[in-house]
Amino acid sequence: MAIKFQYNKTSLGELGKQLKIRTRALPTLKNKEAALRLEVKKAKRRSDELLEELSAALERYSYLSGLWNEFEPGLISVRDVELVTAKFAGVRIPELKDVIYDVREFNLFQKPLWYSDGVQILKDLARLGIESEICSEKSRILDFSRKKTTQKVNLYEKVQIPGYNEAILKIKRYLEDEENLSKASQKIVKNRHDMEAEEEAL
């Protein structure tokens, strides 16, 4: 990316400001990138843990598989998933607040004893699955933001800061050369005036 500039003091001042902004922002961006990278790993790990818990729970209740045939289909369903929005390093991420279930009424005297436990087991399994999905989504959002931050860090570090430094150096050299030429021409004019003054004096 070529940085546009003019060979004057105004442009030099503007480039200096832009360079200062980027130089100050770079450490913050690097810290944000590192924090996001860590949080992505944590969210992925948590999602994997929840999936393992879900698998373990399904394995644990596998002995009940015959009983599930007696379970009334549609007895329990997820009505709503309440989420709250949290912020991490300026990135909005979802957090699970609550899972709301619809449980149809059933007669405890007519249904097997384990029905109440079955409802609770299904609630627990559903919550594990939902929470795992939310952690996975959180990880995706954070990773996307981390990639954008990495791009910005690279842009500042590898393109813009060196570009501004180079442009500032070019302007300074140009202004120094211009000043030197101006001084040299003033010296020549002064010498010429001095020589003319000496010739007139003779």
N, C-alpha and C. Protein backbone atom coordinates (compact mmCIF):
# COMPACT_ATOMS: atom_id res chain seq x y z
N MET A 1 0.84 -1.18 0.00
CA MET A 1 0.00 0.00 0.00
C MET A 1 0.88 1.24 0.00
N ALA A 2 0.79 1.99 -1.09
CA ALA A 2 1.60 3.21 -1.19
C ALA A 2 0.95 4.31 -0.37
N ILE A 3 1.75 5.02 0.40
CA ILE A 3 1.24 6.12 1.21
C ILE A 3 1.38 7.41 0.41
N LYS A 4 0.25 8.12 0.28
CA LYS A 4 0.26 9.36 -0.50
C LYS A 4 0.73 10.50 0.40
N PHE A 5 1.61 11.29 -0.14
CA PHE A 5 2.11 12.44 0.62
C PHE A 5 2.65 13.50 -0.33
N GLN A 6 2.85 14.70 0.23
CA GLN A 6 3.44 15.79 -0.53
C GLN A 6 4.73 16.20 0.18
N TYR A 7 5.61 16.80 -0.60
CA TYR A 7 6.90 17.20 -0.03
C TYR A 7 6.79 18.57 0.64
N ASN A 8 6.08 18.62 1.78
CA ASN A 8 5.99 19.86 2.54
C ASN A 8 5.82 19.56 4.03
N LYS A 9 5.92 20.62 4.85
CA LYS A 9 5.88 20.43 6.30
C LYS A 9 4.51 20.00 6.79
N THR A 10 3.44 20.44 6.11
CA THR A 10 2.07 20.05 6.50
C THR A 10 1.91 18.53 6.37
N SER A 11 2.33 18.01 5.22
CA SER A 11 2.26 16.57 4.97
C SER A 11 3.12 15.81 5.98
N LEU A 12 4.28 16.37 6.29
CA LEU A 12 5.18 15.76 7.27
C LEU A 12 4.50 15.64 8.63
N GLY A 13 3.84 16.73 9.05
CA GLY A 13 3.12 16.73 10.34
C GLY A 13 1.99 15.72 10.36
N GLU A 14 1.24 15.64 9.26
CA GLU A 14 0.11 14.70 9.17
C GLU A 14 0.59 13.26 9.21
N LEU A 15 1.66 12.98 8.48
CA LEU A 15 2.23 11.62 8.50
C LEU A 15 2.74 11.26 9.89
N GLY A 16 3.34 12.25 10.56
CA GLY A 16 3.84 12.03 11.93
C GLY A 16 2.71 11.65 12.88
N LYS A 17 1.55 12.34 12.73
CA LYS A 17 0.38 12.03 13.56
C LYS A 17 -0.11 10.61 13.30
N GLN A 18 -0.24 10.26 12.03
CA GLN A 18 -0.72 8.92 11.65
C GLN A 18 0.23 7.83 12.17
N LEU A 19 1.52 8.09 12.07
CA LEU A 19 2.52 7.14 12.55
C LEU A 19 2.40 6.95 14.07
N LYS A 20 2.23 8.06 14.79
CA LYS A 20 2.10 8.01 16.25
C LYS A 20 0.87 7.21 16.66
N ILE A 21 -0.26 7.42 15.94
CA ILE A 21 -1.51 6.70 16.25
C ILE A 21 -1.29 5.20 16.10
N ARG A 22 -0.66 4.80 15.00
CA ARG A 22 -0.46 3.38 14.74
C ARG A 22 0.57 2.76 15.69
N THR A 23 1.60 3.52 16.00
CA THR A 23 2.63 3.01 16.91
C THR A 23 2.05 2.79 18.31
N ARG A 24 1.17 3.71 18.73
CA ARG A 24 0.54 3.56 20.05
C ARG A 24 -0.49 2.44 20.06
N ALA A 25 -1.20 2.26 18.94
CA ALA A 25 -2.27 1.26 18.88
C ALA A 25 -1.73 -0.17 18.76
N LEU A 26 -0.54 -0.32 18.19
CA LEU A 26 0.00 -1.66 17.91
C LEU A 26 0.11 -2.56 19.14
N PRO A 27 0.68 -2.11 20.27
CA PRO A 27 0.76 -3.00 21.45
C PRO A 27 -0.63 -3.44 21.95
N THR A 28 -1.59 -2.51 21.91
CA THR A 28 -2.96 -2.83 22.34
C THR A 28 -3.56 -3.90 21.44
N LEU A 29 -3.36 -3.73 20.12
CA LEU A 29 -3.88 -4.71 19.17
C LEU A 29 -3.23 -6.08 19.37
N LYS A 30 -1.93 -6.08 19.64
CA LYS A 30 -1.23 -7.36 19.87
C LYS A 30 -1.77 -8.04 21.13
N ASN A 31 -2.03 -7.26 22.18
CA ASN A 31 -2.60 -7.81 23.42
C ASN A 31 -3.99 -8.37 23.17
N LYS A 32 -4.79 -7.62 22.38
CA LYS A 32 -6.14 -8.07 22.05
C LYS A 32 -6.08 -9.39 21.29
N GLU A 33 -5.17 -9.46 20.33
CA GLU A 33 -5.02 -10.68 19.53
C GLU A 33 -4.67 -11.88 20.41
N ALA A 34 -3.72 -11.67 21.33
CA ALA A 34 -3.29 -12.76 22.24
C ALA A 34 -4.45 -13.19 23.15
N ALA A 35 -5.19 -12.21 23.67
CA ALA A 35 -6.32 -12.52 24.56
C ALA A 35 -7.41 -13.28 23.80
N LEU A 36 -7.69 -12.85 22.56
CA LEU A 36 -8.70 -13.52 21.75
C LEU A 36 -8.27 -14.95 21.41
N ARG A 37 -7.00 -15.11 21.09
CA ARG A 37 -6.48 -16.45 20.76
C ARG A 37 -6.68 -17.40 21.96
N LEU A 38 -6.39 -16.91 23.17
CA LEU A 38 -6.55 -17.71 24.38
C LEU A 38 -8.02 -18.04 24.64
N GLU A 39 -8.88 -17.03 24.43
CA GLU A 39 -10.31 -17.22 24.68
C GLU A 39 -10.93 -18.18 23.67
N VAL A 40 -10.45 -18.16 22.43
CA VAL A 40 -10.92 -19.10 21.40
C VAL A 40 -10.61 -20.52 21.84
N LYS A 41 -9.38 -20.73 22.32
CA LYS A 41 -8.98 -22.07 22.79
C LYS A 41 -9.87 -22.52 23.95
N LYS A 42 -10.13 -21.58 24.89
CA LYS A 42 -10.96 -21.92 26.05
C LYS A 42 -12.38 -22.30 25.63
N ALA A 43 -12.94 -21.53 24.69
CA ALA A 43 -14.30 -21.80 24.22
C ALA A 43 -14.37 -23.14 23.49
N LYS A 44 -13.35 -23.44 22.66
CA LYS A 44 -13.31 -24.72 21.95
C LYS A 44 -13.18 -25.88 22.94
N ARG A 45 -12.30 -25.69 23.92
CA ARG A 45 -12.10 -26.73 24.93
C ARG A 45 -13.39 -26.99 25.70
N ARG A 46 -14.08 -25.89 26.07
CA ARG A 46 -15.33 -26.02 26.83
C ARG A 46 -16.40 -26.73 25.99
N SER A 47 -16.47 -26.38 24.69
CA SER A 47 -17.43 -27.03 23.79
C SER A 47 -17.15 -28.53 23.70
N ASP A 48 -15.86 -28.88 23.57
CA ASP A 48 -15.47 -30.30 23.50
C ASP A 48 -15.79 -31.03 24.81
N GLU A 49 -15.53 -30.34 25.94
CA GLU A 49 -15.84 -30.95 27.25
C GLU A 49 -17.33 -31.25 27.38
N LEU A 50 -18.15 -30.28 26.92
CA LEU A 50 -19.60 -30.46 27.02
C LEU A 50 -20.07 -31.61 26.12
N LEU A 51 -19.47 -31.72 24.94
CA LEU A 51 -19.81 -32.84 24.04
C LEU A 51 -19.41 -34.18 24.66
N GLU A 52 -18.25 -34.20 25.33
CA GLU A 52 -17.82 -35.42 26.02
C GLU A 52 -18.77 -35.76 27.16
N GLU A 53 -19.20 -34.72 27.90
CA GLU A 53 -20.16 -34.93 28.99
C GLU A 53 -21.47 -35.49 28.45
N LEU A 54 -21.89 -34.96 27.28
CA LEU A 54 -23.12 -35.43 26.65
C LEU A 54 -22.98 -36.89 26.24
N SER A 55 -21.85 -37.22 25.62
CA SER A 55 -21.60 -38.62 25.21
C SER A 55 -21.58 -39.54 26.43
N ALA A 56 -20.89 -39.08 27.49
CA ALA A 56 -20.79 -39.88 28.72
C ALA A 56 -22.18 -40.08 29.34
N ALA A 57 -23.00 -39.02 29.31
CA ALA A 57 -24.35 -39.11 29.87
C ALA A 57 -25.20 -40.08 29.05
N LEU A 58 -25.08 -39.99 27.73
CA LEU A 58 -25.84 -40.91 26.87
C LEU A 58 -25.41 -42.36 27.12
N GLU A 59 -24.11 -42.53 27.30
CA GLU A 59 -23.56 -43.87 27.61
C GLU A 59 -24.09 -44.36 28.95
N ARG A 60 -24.12 -43.42 29.91
CA ARG A 60 -24.57 -43.76 31.27
C ARG A 60 -26.03 -44.21 31.28
N TYR A 61 -26.84 -43.58 30.42
CA TYR A 61 -28.27 -43.90 30.40
C TYR A 61 -28.63 -44.93 29.33
N SER A 62 -27.63 -45.53 28.71
CA SER A 62 -27.92 -46.49 27.63
C SER A 62 -28.71 -47.70 28.13
N TYR A 63 -28.52 -48.02 29.41
CA TYR A 63 -29.25 -49.18 29.96
C TYR A 63 -30.77 -48.92 30.00
N LEU A 64 -31.15 -47.65 29.88
CA LEU A 64 -32.57 -47.30 29.88
C LEU A 64 -33.19 -47.31 28.48
N SER A 65 -32.40 -47.68 27.48
CA SER A 65 -32.86 -47.56 26.10
C SER A 65 -34.18 -48.28 25.85
N GLY A 66 -34.38 -49.39 26.49
CA GLY A 66 -35.65 -50.12 26.33
C GLY A 66 -36.82 -49.35 26.90
N LEU A 67 -36.57 -48.63 27.98
CA LEU A 67 -37.63 -47.88 28.64
C LEU A 67 -38.07 -46.66 27.82
N TRP A 68 -37.14 -46.11 27.04
CA TRP A 68 -37.48 -44.90 26.28
C TRP A 68 -38.61 -45.18 25.28
N ASN A 69 -38.78 -46.45 24.89
CA ASN A 69 -39.88 -46.79 23.97
C ASN A 69 -41.23 -46.53 24.62
N GLU A 70 -41.28 -46.65 25.94
CA GLU A 70 -42.52 -46.38 26.67
C GLU A 70 -42.74 -44.88 26.88
N PHE A 71 -41.70 -44.10 26.67
CA PHE A 71 -41.78 -42.65 26.93
C PHE A 71 -42.66 -42.01 25.88
N GLU A 72 -43.50 -41.12 26.30
CA GLU A 72 -44.46 -40.46 25.41
C GLU A 72 -43.74 -39.44 24.51
N PRO A 73 -43.80 -39.60 23.18
CA PRO A 73 -43.14 -38.63 22.29
C PRO A 73 -43.76 -37.24 22.44
N GLY A 74 -42.94 -36.22 22.43
CA GLY A 74 -43.44 -34.85 22.53
C GLY A 74 -43.81 -34.44 23.95
N LEU A 75 -43.47 -35.29 24.92
CA LEU A 75 -43.79 -34.96 26.32
C LEU A 75 -42.99 -33.74 26.78
N ILE A 76 -41.77 -33.64 26.30
CA ILE A 76 -40.91 -32.50 26.67
C ILE A 76 -40.31 -31.91 25.40
N SER A 77 -40.28 -30.59 25.35
CA SER A 77 -39.65 -29.91 24.21
C SER A 77 -39.01 -28.62 24.71
N VAL A 78 -38.06 -28.11 23.94
CA VAL A 78 -37.40 -26.86 24.30
C VAL A 78 -38.23 -25.72 23.70
N ARG A 79 -38.77 -24.88 24.58
CA ARG A 79 -39.57 -23.75 24.11
C ARG A 79 -38.69 -22.58 23.70
N ASP A 80 -37.68 -22.30 24.53
CA ASP A 80 -36.84 -21.12 24.26
C ASP A 80 -35.47 -21.30 24.90
N VAL A 81 -34.50 -20.66 24.29
CA VAL A 81 -33.15 -20.62 24.85
C VAL A 81 -32.84 -19.15 25.11
N GLU A 82 -32.67 -18.82 26.38
CA GLU A 82 -32.38 -17.42 26.74
C GLU A 82 -30.88 -17.19 26.72
N LEU A 83 -30.49 -16.20 25.94
CA LEU A 83 -29.07 -15.85 25.84
C LEU A 83 -28.86 -14.44 26.36
N VAL A 84 -27.68 -14.20 26.87
CA VAL A 84 -27.27 -12.83 27.21
C VAL A 84 -26.04 -12.53 26.37
N THR A 85 -25.85 -11.26 26.10
CA THR A 85 -24.68 -10.87 25.32
C THR A 85 -23.60 -10.38 26.26
N ALA A 86 -22.46 -11.02 26.18
CA ALA A 86 -21.30 -10.62 26.98
C ALA A 86 -20.30 -9.97 26.04
N LYS A 87 -19.36 -9.25 26.61
CA LYS A 87 -18.31 -8.63 25.79
C LYS A 87 -16.97 -9.15 26.26
N PHE A 88 -16.16 -9.52 25.27
CA PHE A 88 -14.78 -9.90 25.58
C PHE A 88 -13.88 -9.18 24.60
N ALA A 89 -12.98 -8.36 25.10
CA ALA A 89 -12.04 -7.58 24.28
C ALA A 89 -12.78 -6.82 23.18
N GLY A 90 -13.96 -6.27 23.54
CA GLY A 90 -14.73 -5.49 22.58
C GLY A 90 -15.55 -6.32 21.61
N VAL A 91 -15.58 -7.64 21.80
CA VAL A 91 -16.33 -8.52 20.89
C VAL A 91 -17.57 -9.03 21.63
N ARG A 92 -18.74 -8.89 20.99
CA ARG A 92 -19.98 -9.37 21.59
C ARG A 92 -20.10 -10.88 21.36
N ILE A 93 -20.32 -11.60 22.46
CA ILE A 93 -20.45 -13.06 22.37
C ILE A 93 -21.68 -13.53 23.16
N PRO A 94 -22.30 -14.62 22.71
CA PRO A 94 -23.47 -15.13 23.42
C PRO A 94 -23.08 -15.97 24.65
N GLU A 95 -23.87 -15.84 25.68
CA GLU A 95 -23.71 -16.67 26.88
C GLU A 95 -25.08 -17.26 27.20
N LEU A 96 -25.10 -18.53 27.59
CA LEU A 96 -26.37 -19.18 27.93
C LEU A 96 -26.85 -18.70 29.29
N LYS A 97 -28.10 -18.19 29.30
CA LYS A 97 -28.69 -17.78 30.57
C LYS A 97 -29.60 -18.88 31.11
N ASP A 98 -30.50 -19.36 30.21
CA ASP A 98 -31.43 -20.39 30.67
C ASP A 98 -32.02 -21.12 29.47
N VAL A 99 -32.46 -22.34 29.72
CA VAL A 99 -33.19 -23.11 28.72
C VAL A 99 -34.59 -23.31 29.28
N ILE A 100 -35.60 -22.92 28.49
CA ILE A 100 -36.98 -23.04 28.96
C ILE A 100 -37.62 -24.21 28.23
N TYR A 101 -38.18 -25.12 29.01
CA TYR A 101 -38.77 -26.34 28.47
C TYR A 101 -40.29 -26.29 28.57
N ASP A 102 -40.93 -26.94 27.65
CA ASP A 102 -42.37 -27.20 27.75
C ASP A 102 -42.53 -28.67 28.11
N VAL A 103 -43.13 -28.93 29.24
CA VAL A 103 -43.38 -30.31 29.66
C VAL A 103 -44.89 -30.48 29.77
N ARG A 104 -45.41 -31.35 28.92
CA ARG A 104 -46.86 -31.61 28.99
C ARG A 104 -47.17 -32.33 30.30
N GLU A 105 -48.34 -32.03 30.81
CA GLU A 105 -48.74 -32.68 32.05
C GLU A 105 -48.99 -34.17 31.81
N PHE A 106 -48.62 -34.96 32.80
CA PHE A 106 -48.91 -36.40 32.73
C PHE A 106 -49.30 -36.87 34.12
N ASN A 107 -50.06 -37.91 34.14
CA ASN A 107 -50.57 -38.45 35.40
C ASN A 107 -49.51 -39.36 36.02
N LEU A 108 -48.99 -38.96 37.16
CA LEU A 108 -47.95 -39.73 37.84
C LEU A 108 -48.44 -41.12 38.28
N PHE A 109 -49.75 -41.23 38.48
CA PHE A 109 -50.29 -42.51 38.95
C PHE A 109 -50.43 -43.52 37.81
N GLN A 110 -50.61 -43.00 36.58
CA GLN A 110 -50.80 -43.89 35.44
C GLN A 110 -49.49 -44.20 34.72
N LYS A 111 -48.51 -43.36 34.89
CA LYS A 111 -47.23 -43.53 34.19
C LYS A 111 -46.22 -44.24 35.10
N PRO A 112 -45.20 -44.84 34.51
CA PRO A 112 -44.17 -45.52 35.33
C PRO A 112 -43.46 -44.54 36.28
N LEU A 113 -42.90 -45.07 37.33
CA LEU A 113 -42.22 -44.26 38.35
C LEU A 113 -41.06 -43.44 37.79
N TRP A 114 -40.40 -43.97 36.80
CA TRP A 114 -39.19 -43.33 36.29
C TRP A 114 -39.48 -42.16 35.36
N TYR A 115 -40.75 -41.86 35.05
CA TYR A 115 -41.11 -40.78 34.12
C TYR A 115 -40.53 -39.42 34.55
N SER A 116 -40.66 -39.10 35.84
CA SER A 116 -40.13 -37.81 36.34
C SER A 116 -38.62 -37.73 36.15
N ASP A 117 -37.95 -38.87 36.46
CA ASP A 117 -36.49 -38.90 36.27
C ASP A 117 -36.15 -38.78 34.78
N GLY A 118 -36.95 -39.41 33.93
CA GLY A 118 -36.73 -39.35 32.49
C GLY A 118 -36.82 -37.93 31.96
N VAL A 119 -37.80 -37.18 32.47
CA VAL A 119 -37.95 -35.78 32.06
C VAL A 119 -36.70 -34.99 32.46
N GLN A 120 -36.22 -35.21 33.68
CA GLN A 120 -35.04 -34.49 34.16
C GLN A 120 -33.79 -34.88 33.35
N ILE A 121 -33.68 -36.16 33.03
CA ILE A 121 -32.54 -36.65 32.23
C ILE A 121 -32.54 -35.95 30.87
N LEU A 122 -33.72 -35.87 30.22
CA LEU A 122 -33.82 -35.22 28.90
C LEU A 122 -33.48 -33.73 29.00
N LYS A 123 -33.92 -33.09 30.09
CA LYS A 123 -33.58 -31.67 30.29
C LYS A 123 -32.07 -31.50 30.37
N ASP A 124 -31.42 -32.37 31.16
CA ASP A 124 -29.97 -32.28 31.34
C ASP A 124 -29.23 -32.51 30.02
N LEU A 125 -29.68 -33.53 29.26
CA LEU A 125 -29.04 -33.84 27.98
C LEU A 125 -29.21 -32.68 26.99
N ALA A 126 -30.42 -32.13 26.94
CA ALA A 126 -30.69 -31.01 26.02
C ALA A 126 -29.82 -29.80 26.38
N ARG A 127 -29.72 -29.54 27.68
CA ARG A 127 -28.92 -28.38 28.11
C ARG A 127 -27.45 -28.55 27.73
N LEU A 128 -26.92 -29.76 27.91
CA LEU A 128 -25.52 -30.02 27.53
C LEU A 128 -25.30 -29.77 26.04
N GLY A 129 -26.22 -30.27 25.22
CA GLY A 129 -26.11 -30.09 23.77
C GLY A 129 -26.20 -28.62 23.37
N ILE A 130 -27.16 -27.90 23.96
CA ILE A 130 -27.36 -26.47 23.65
C ILE A 130 -26.14 -25.67 24.08
N GLU A 131 -25.66 -25.93 25.29
CA GLU A 131 -24.51 -25.19 25.81
C GLU A 131 -23.26 -25.44 24.96
N SER A 132 -23.10 -26.67 24.48
CA SER A 132 -21.98 -27.00 23.62
C SER A 132 -22.06 -26.21 22.31
N GLU A 133 -23.26 -26.12 21.74
CA GLU A 133 -23.46 -25.36 20.50
C GLU A 133 -23.14 -23.88 20.70
N ILE A 134 -23.55 -23.34 21.83
CA ILE A 134 -23.31 -21.92 22.12
C ILE A 134 -21.81 -21.67 22.28
N CYS A 135 -21.11 -22.58 22.97
CA CYS A 135 -19.65 -22.44 23.12
C CYS A 135 -18.96 -22.52 21.77
N SER A 136 -19.47 -23.38 20.91
CA SER A 136 -18.91 -23.52 19.56
C SER A 136 -19.11 -22.23 18.76
N GLU A 137 -20.30 -21.64 18.88
CA GLU A 137 -20.59 -20.37 18.19
C GLU A 137 -19.73 -19.24 18.76
N LYS A 138 -19.58 -19.23 20.07
CA LYS A 138 -18.73 -18.23 20.72
C LYS A 138 -17.30 -18.33 20.20
N SER A 139 -16.81 -19.56 20.09
CA SER A 139 -15.47 -19.81 19.57
C SER A 139 -15.34 -19.29 18.13
N ARG A 140 -16.37 -19.52 17.31
CA ARG A 140 -16.36 -19.07 15.91
C ARG A 140 -16.31 -17.54 15.83
N ILE A 141 -17.14 -16.87 16.64
CA ILE A 141 -17.19 -15.40 16.64
C ILE A 141 -15.84 -14.83 17.08
N LEU A 142 -15.30 -15.38 18.17
CA LEU A 142 -14.02 -14.90 18.70
C LEU A 142 -12.88 -15.14 17.70
N ASP A 143 -12.91 -16.29 17.03
CA ASP A 143 -11.87 -16.62 16.06
C ASP A 143 -11.92 -15.67 14.86
N PHE A 144 -13.14 -15.33 14.42
CA PHE A 144 -13.30 -14.39 13.32
C PHE A 144 -12.71 -13.03 13.71
N SER A 145 -13.02 -12.59 14.93
CA SER A 145 -12.51 -11.31 15.42
C SER A 145 -10.99 -11.35 15.57
N ARG A 146 -10.46 -12.51 16.02
CA ARG A 146 -9.01 -12.65 16.17
C ARG A 146 -8.32 -12.53 14.81
N LYS A 147 -8.92 -13.15 13.78
CA LYS A 147 -8.33 -13.07 12.44
C LYS A 147 -8.30 -11.64 11.94
N LYS A 148 -9.39 -10.89 12.19
CA LYS A 148 -9.45 -9.48 11.77
C LYS A 148 -8.37 -8.68 12.51
N THR A 149 -8.20 -8.97 13.80
CA THR A 149 -7.20 -8.26 14.60
C THR A 149 -5.80 -8.60 14.11
N THR A 150 -5.56 -9.87 13.77
CA THR A 150 -4.26 -10.28 13.24
C THR A 150 -3.96 -9.55 11.94
N GLN A 151 -4.99 -9.43 11.08
CA GLN A 151 -4.81 -8.70 9.82
C GLN A 151 -4.41 -7.25 10.09
N LYS A 152 -5.06 -6.64 11.08
CA LYS A 152 -4.78 -5.24 11.40
C LYS A 152 -3.36 -5.09 11.97
N VAL A 153 -2.98 -6.04 12.83
CA VAL A 153 -1.62 -6.02 13.39
C VAL A 153 -0.60 -6.11 12.26
N ASN A 154 -0.82 -7.06 11.34
CA ASN A 154 0.10 -7.22 10.21
C ASN A 154 0.14 -5.98 9.32
N LEU A 155 -1.04 -5.39 9.09
CA LEU A 155 -1.11 -4.18 8.27
C LEU A 155 -0.30 -3.06 8.91
N TYR A 156 -0.50 -2.85 10.21
CA TYR A 156 0.24 -1.80 10.91
C TYR A 156 1.73 -2.10 10.94
N GLU A 157 2.06 -3.33 11.36
CA GLU A 157 3.44 -3.70 11.63
C GLU A 157 4.28 -3.83 10.36
N LYS A 158 3.69 -4.44 9.33
CA LYS A 158 4.49 -4.77 8.14
C LYS A 158 4.31 -3.80 6.98
N VAL A 159 3.21 -3.03 6.99
CA VAL A 159 2.95 -2.15 5.85
C VAL A 159 2.94 -0.67 6.24
N GLN A 160 1.98 -0.31 7.11
CA GLN A 160 1.77 1.11 7.35
C GLN A 160 2.89 1.79 8.13
N ILE A 161 3.31 1.21 9.25
CA ILE A 161 4.36 1.86 10.05
C ILE A 161 5.65 2.01 9.25
N PRO A 162 6.14 0.94 8.57
CA PRO A 162 7.34 1.13 7.74
C PRO A 162 7.09 2.14 6.60
N GLY A 163 5.87 2.12 6.03
CA GLY A 163 5.53 3.05 4.94
C GLY A 163 5.56 4.49 5.40
N TYR A 164 4.96 4.75 6.58
CA TYR A 164 4.98 6.12 7.12
C TYR A 164 6.40 6.55 7.46
N ASN A 165 7.19 5.65 8.05
CA ASN A 165 8.58 5.98 8.37
C ASN A 165 9.36 6.36 7.11
N GLU A 166 9.16 5.57 6.06
CA GLU A 166 9.87 5.82 4.80
C GLU A 166 9.44 7.15 4.18
N ALA A 167 8.11 7.41 4.20
CA ALA A 167 7.60 8.66 3.64
C ALA A 167 8.13 9.87 4.43
N ILE A 168 8.15 9.77 5.75
CA ILE A 168 8.66 10.86 6.60
C ILE A 168 10.13 11.11 6.29
N LEU A 169 10.90 10.04 6.15
CA LEU A 169 12.32 10.16 5.83
C LEU A 169 12.52 10.86 4.48
N LYS A 170 11.73 10.49 3.48
CA LYS A 170 11.83 11.11 2.16
C LYS A 170 11.52 12.61 2.22
N ILE A 171 10.45 12.96 2.96
CA ILE A 171 10.08 14.38 3.09
C ILE A 171 11.18 15.15 3.80
N LYS A 172 11.70 14.57 4.90
CA LYS A 172 12.78 15.25 5.65
C LYS A 172 14.00 15.48 4.77
N ARG A 173 14.39 14.46 4.02
CA ARG A 173 15.55 14.60 3.11
C ARG A 173 15.30 15.68 2.07
N TYR A 174 14.09 15.67 1.50
CA TYR A 174 13.74 16.66 0.48
C TYR A 174 13.81 18.06 1.06
N LEU A 175 13.21 18.24 2.26
CA LEU A 175 13.21 19.57 2.89
C LEU A 175 14.62 20.01 3.26
N GLU A 176 15.47 19.06 3.72
CA GLU A 176 16.87 19.39 4.03
C GLU A 176 17.61 19.80 2.77
N ASP A 177 17.41 19.04 1.67
CA ASP A 177 18.06 19.39 0.40
C ASP A 177 17.62 20.76 -0.08
N GLU A 178 16.30 21.01 0.06
CA GLU A 178 15.76 22.31 -0.36
C GLU A 178 16.38 23.44 0.46
N GLU A 179 16.52 23.21 1.77
CA GLU A 179 17.10 24.21 2.66
C GLU A 179 18.57 24.44 2.32
N ASN A 180 19.29 23.33 2.06
CA ASN A 180 20.71 23.44 1.68
C ASN A 180 20.88 24.21 0.37
N LEU A 181 20.01 23.91 -0.60
CA LEU A 181 20.06 24.63 -1.88
C LEU A 181 19.77 26.11 -1.69
N SER A 182 18.79 26.38 -0.84
CA SER A 182 18.41 27.78 -0.56
C SER A 182 19.58 28.52 0.09
N LYS A 183 20.22 27.85 1.07
CA LYS A 183 21.38 28.47 1.74
C LYS A 183 22.52 28.68 0.75
N ALA A 184 22.74 27.68 -0.10
CA ALA A 184 23.83 27.78 -1.09
C ALA A 184 23.57 28.93 -2.07
N SER A 185 22.31 29.03 -2.52
CA SER A 185 22.00 30.11 -3.46
C SER A 185 22.10 31.47 -2.78
N GLN A 186 21.73 31.55 -1.51
CA GLN A 186 21.87 32.81 -0.76
C GLN A 186 23.34 33.18 -0.61
N LYS A 187 24.16 32.17 -0.38
CA LYS A 187 25.61 32.39 -0.24
C LYS A 187 26.19 32.91 -1.56
N ILE A 188 25.75 32.28 -2.68
CA ILE A 188 26.24 32.71 -4.00
C ILE A 188 25.82 34.15 -4.27
N VAL A 189 24.55 34.47 -3.97
CA VAL A 189 24.06 35.85 -4.18
C VAL A 189 24.84 36.83 -3.31
N LYS A 190 25.09 36.44 -2.05
CA LYS A 190 25.83 37.31 -1.12
C LYS A 190 27.26 37.53 -1.63
N ASN A 191 27.90 36.41 -2.08
CA ASN A 191 29.27 36.54 -2.63
C ASN A 191 29.29 37.45 -3.84
N ARG A 192 28.28 37.31 -4.72
CA ARG A 192 28.21 38.15 -5.91
C ARG A 192 28.05 39.62 -5.53
N HIS A 193 27.18 39.88 -4.54
CA HIS A 193 26.98 41.27 -4.07
C HIS A 193 28.28 41.83 -3.48
N ASP A 194 28.96 40.95 -2.69
CA ASP A 194 30.22 41.38 -2.08
C ASP A 194 31.25 41.73 -3.16
N MET A 195 31.33 40.87 -4.22
CA MET A 195 32.28 41.12 -5.31
C MET A 195 31.93 42.40 -6.06
N GLU A 196 30.64 42.62 -6.31
CA GLU A 196 30.20 43.83 -7.00
C GLU A 196 30.51 45.07 -6.17
N ALA A 197 30.32 44.93 -4.85
CA ALA A 197 30.61 46.05 -3.95
C ALA A 197 32.10 46.37 -3.95
N GLU A 198 32.94 45.31 -4.01
CA GLU A 198 34.39 45.52 -4.05
C GLU A 198 34.82 46.17 -5.36
N GLU A 199 34.20 45.74 -6.48
CA GLU A 199 34.54 46.30 -7.80
C GLU A 199 34.15 47.78 -7.86
N GLU A 200 32.99 48.10 -7.27
CA GLU A 200 32.55 49.50 -7.27
C GLU A 200 33.49 50.35 -6.40
N ALA A 201 33.97 49.73 -5.33
CA ALA A 201 34.88 50.47 -4.43
C ALA A 201 36.21 50.77 -5.12
N LEU A 202 36.63 49.92 -6.05
CA LEU A 202 37.89 50.14 -6.78
C LEU A 202 37.64 51.12 -7.85
